[in-house]
Amino acid sequence: MVKKSNKIGIELDDFHYHEALDRLMVTIKHIDQHLIQHPVLKLETEVKDLVVDGTDKLWLAYQKLTELKANE
């Protein structure tokens, strides 16, 4: 289904949403594998906690976008 965004005037279809969801998931996995699991962040837990907080926000964005896609 194609719909035109009132916010930016661009036509968006299901693939655009699928692609955005995929990129969010890739980013979340990348942060986990290459930052959160890094030995320095294992040691420096205060820094790791900040990175985890950021990842939590990305996960909320993923969930919100999933809801928006489901309500089309």
Protein backbone atom coordinates (compact mmCIF):
# COMPACT_ATOMS: atom_id res chain seq x y z
CA MET A 1 0.00 0.00 0.00
CA VAL A 2 1.37 3.40 -0.98
CA LYS A 3 0.60 6.42 1.14
CA LYS A 4 1.88 9.95 0.97
CA SER A 5 3.45 11.35 4.10
CA ASN A 6 1.84 14.60 5.20
CA LYS A 7 5.01 15.50 7.06
CA ILE A 8 7.50 15.43 4.20
CA GLY A 9 5.39 14.85 1.07
CA ILE A 10 7.11 11.62 0.06
CA GLU A 11 5.20 8.53 -1.02
CA LEU A 12 5.97 5.60 1.25
CA ASP A 13 5.13 1.97 0.62
CA ASP A 14 5.37 -1.18 2.75
CA PHE A 15 8.94 -1.78 1.64
CA HIS A 16 10.06 1.59 3.03
CA TYR A 17 8.77 0.56 6.45
CA HIS A 18 10.28 -2.92 6.15
CA GLU A 19 13.60 -1.37 5.16
CA ALA A 20 13.59 1.06 8.10
CA LEU A 21 12.78 -1.79 10.51
CA ASP A 22 15.60 -3.86 9.04
CA ARG A 23 18.10 -1.03 9.37
CA LEU A 24 17.11 -0.42 12.98
CA MET A 25 17.62 -4.11 13.77
CA VAL A 26 20.99 -4.21 11.99
CA THR A 27 22.10 -1.14 13.95
CA ILE A 28 20.95 -2.61 17.28
CA LYS A 29 22.79 -5.88 16.57
CA HIS A 30 25.90 -4.03 15.43
CA ILE A 31 25.99 -1.94 18.61
CA ASP A 32 25.57 -5.06 20.73
CA GLN A 33 28.23 -7.11 18.94
CA HIS A 34 30.84 -4.40 18.51
CA LEU A 35 30.32 -2.11 21.51
CA ILE A 36 28.34 -3.70 24.33
CA GLN A 37 30.29 -6.98 24.01
CA HIS A 38 33.63 -5.18 23.68
CA PRO A 39 36.10 -5.96 26.52
CA VAL A 40 36.57 -2.28 27.35
CA LEU A 41 32.86 -1.74 27.83
CA LYS A 42 32.67 -4.94 29.89
CA LEU A 43 35.19 -3.30 32.21
CA GLU A 44 33.87 0.27 31.99
CA THR A 45 30.30 -0.45 33.03
CA GLU A 46 29.29 3.20 33.30
CA VAL A 47 30.09 3.67 29.61
CA LYS A 48 28.39 0.38 28.73
CA ASP A 49 25.25 1.49 30.56
CA LEU A 50 25.10 4.66 28.44
CA VAL A 51 25.42 2.61 25.25
CA VAL A 52 22.72 0.21 26.48
CA ASP A 53 20.45 3.21 27.17
CA GLY A 54 20.90 4.30 23.57
CA THR A 55 20.17 0.80 22.31
CA ASP A 56 17.03 0.73 24.45
CA LYS A 57 15.82 3.88 22.67
CA LEU A 58 16.50 2.30 19.28
CA TRP A 59 14.52 -0.75 20.38
CA LEU A 60 11.60 1.52 21.37
CA ALA A 61 11.80 3.13 17.93
CA TYR A 62 11.71 -0.34 16.35
CA GLN A 63 8.61 -1.27 18.36
CA LYS A 64 6.87 2.03 17.53
CA LEU A 65 7.56 1.61 13.83
CA THR A 66 6.25 -1.96 14.00
CA GLU A 67 3.01 -0.64 15.52
CA LEU A 68 2.68 2.06 12.86
CA LYS A 69 3.21 -0.49 10.11
CA ALA A 70 0.61 -2.82 11.62
CA ASN A 71 -1.98 0.00 11.82
CA GLU A 72 -1.80 0.95 8.15
